[in-house]
Amino acid sequence: MKKIIKCPSCGISTPYSTDNPFRPFCSERCKLVDLGAWATETYRVPDESTPPDLDFDLFKKSD
């Protein structure tokens, strides 16, 4: 029995099996659209960390 999933790109139902060379996508087009989105940084993982404080004492001249 083949598992049916929704294509992450277009939402069409598609089989998730070795018969589908583009899995989890429904077609080569959807696979390339997703790759293009990653390449152009449309998809981003948010960085919620705070940048470290700069130690301005390092830039002061010592007497």
Protein backbone atom coordinates (compact mmCIF):
# COMPACT_ATOMS: atom_id res chain seq x y z
CA MET A 1 0.00 0.00 0.00
CA LYS A 2 1.39 3.37 -1.02
CA LYS A 3 1.32 6.24 1.40
CA ILE A 4 -0.35 9.35 -0.05
CA ILE A 5 0.97 12.74 1.06
CA LYS A 6 0.45 16.34 0.00
CA CYS A 7 3.18 17.91 -2.11
CA PRO A 8 4.93 20.51 0.09
CA SER A 9 5.07 22.91 -2.84
CA CYS A 10 1.62 22.80 -4.45
CA GLY A 11 -0.50 20.65 -2.11
CA ILE A 12 -1.55 18.02 -4.66
CA SER A 13 -1.89 14.49 -3.30
CA THR A 14 1.04 12.36 -4.41
CA PRO A 15 2.34 8.88 -3.56
CA TYR A 16 5.31 8.72 -1.22
CA SER A 17 7.02 5.67 -2.69
CA THR A 18 10.01 4.65 -4.76
CA ASP A 19 7.74 4.91 -7.82
CA ASN A 20 7.85 8.69 -7.43
CA PRO A 21 11.44 9.88 -8.10
CA PHE A 22 10.57 13.42 -6.94
CA ARG A 23 9.19 12.45 -3.52
CA PRO A 24 8.06 14.20 -1.38
CA PHE A 25 7.17 16.47 -4.30
CA CYS A 26 4.68 15.59 -7.02
CA SER A 27 6.90 16.62 -9.93
CA GLU A 28 10.32 17.87 -10.94
CA ARG A 29 8.85 21.36 -11.26
CA CYS A 30 7.72 21.46 -7.63
CA LYS A 31 11.09 20.09 -6.52
CA LEU A 32 12.92 22.85 -8.43
CA VAL A 33 10.56 25.55 -7.17
CA ASP A 34 11.39 24.50 -3.61
CA LEU A 35 15.14 24.39 -4.36
CA GLY A 36 14.90 27.89 -5.85
CA ALA A 37 13.17 29.18 -2.73
CA TRP A 38 16.05 27.87 -0.58
CA ALA A 39 18.66 29.28 -3.00
CA THR A 40 17.11 32.76 -2.90
CA GLU A 41 16.75 32.55 0.89
CA THR A 42 12.96 32.76 0.76
CA TYR A 43 12.97 30.10 3.46
CA ARG A 44 14.85 31.19 6.54
CA VAL A 45 15.33 29.77 9.98
CA PRO A 46 14.82 32.62 12.46
CA ASP A 47 17.77 33.45 14.68
CA GLU A 48 16.36 34.27 18.07
CA SER A 49 19.67 34.50 19.84
CA THR A 50 20.88 37.89 20.99
CA PRO A 51 24.24 39.09 19.72
CA PRO A 52 26.99 39.21 22.32
CA ASP A 53 27.71 42.63 23.76
CA LEU A 54 30.83 44.21 22.41
CA ASP A 55 33.51 44.86 24.95
CA PHE A 56 34.37 48.46 24.16
CA ASP A 57 37.27 48.37 26.60
CA LEU A 58 39.18 46.50 23.93
CA PHE A 59 39.11 49.59 21.73
CA LYS A 60 40.30 52.07 24.37
CA LYS A 61 43.93 53.13 24.43
CA SER A 62 45.72 52.10 27.55
CA ASP A 63 47.79 54.73 29.34
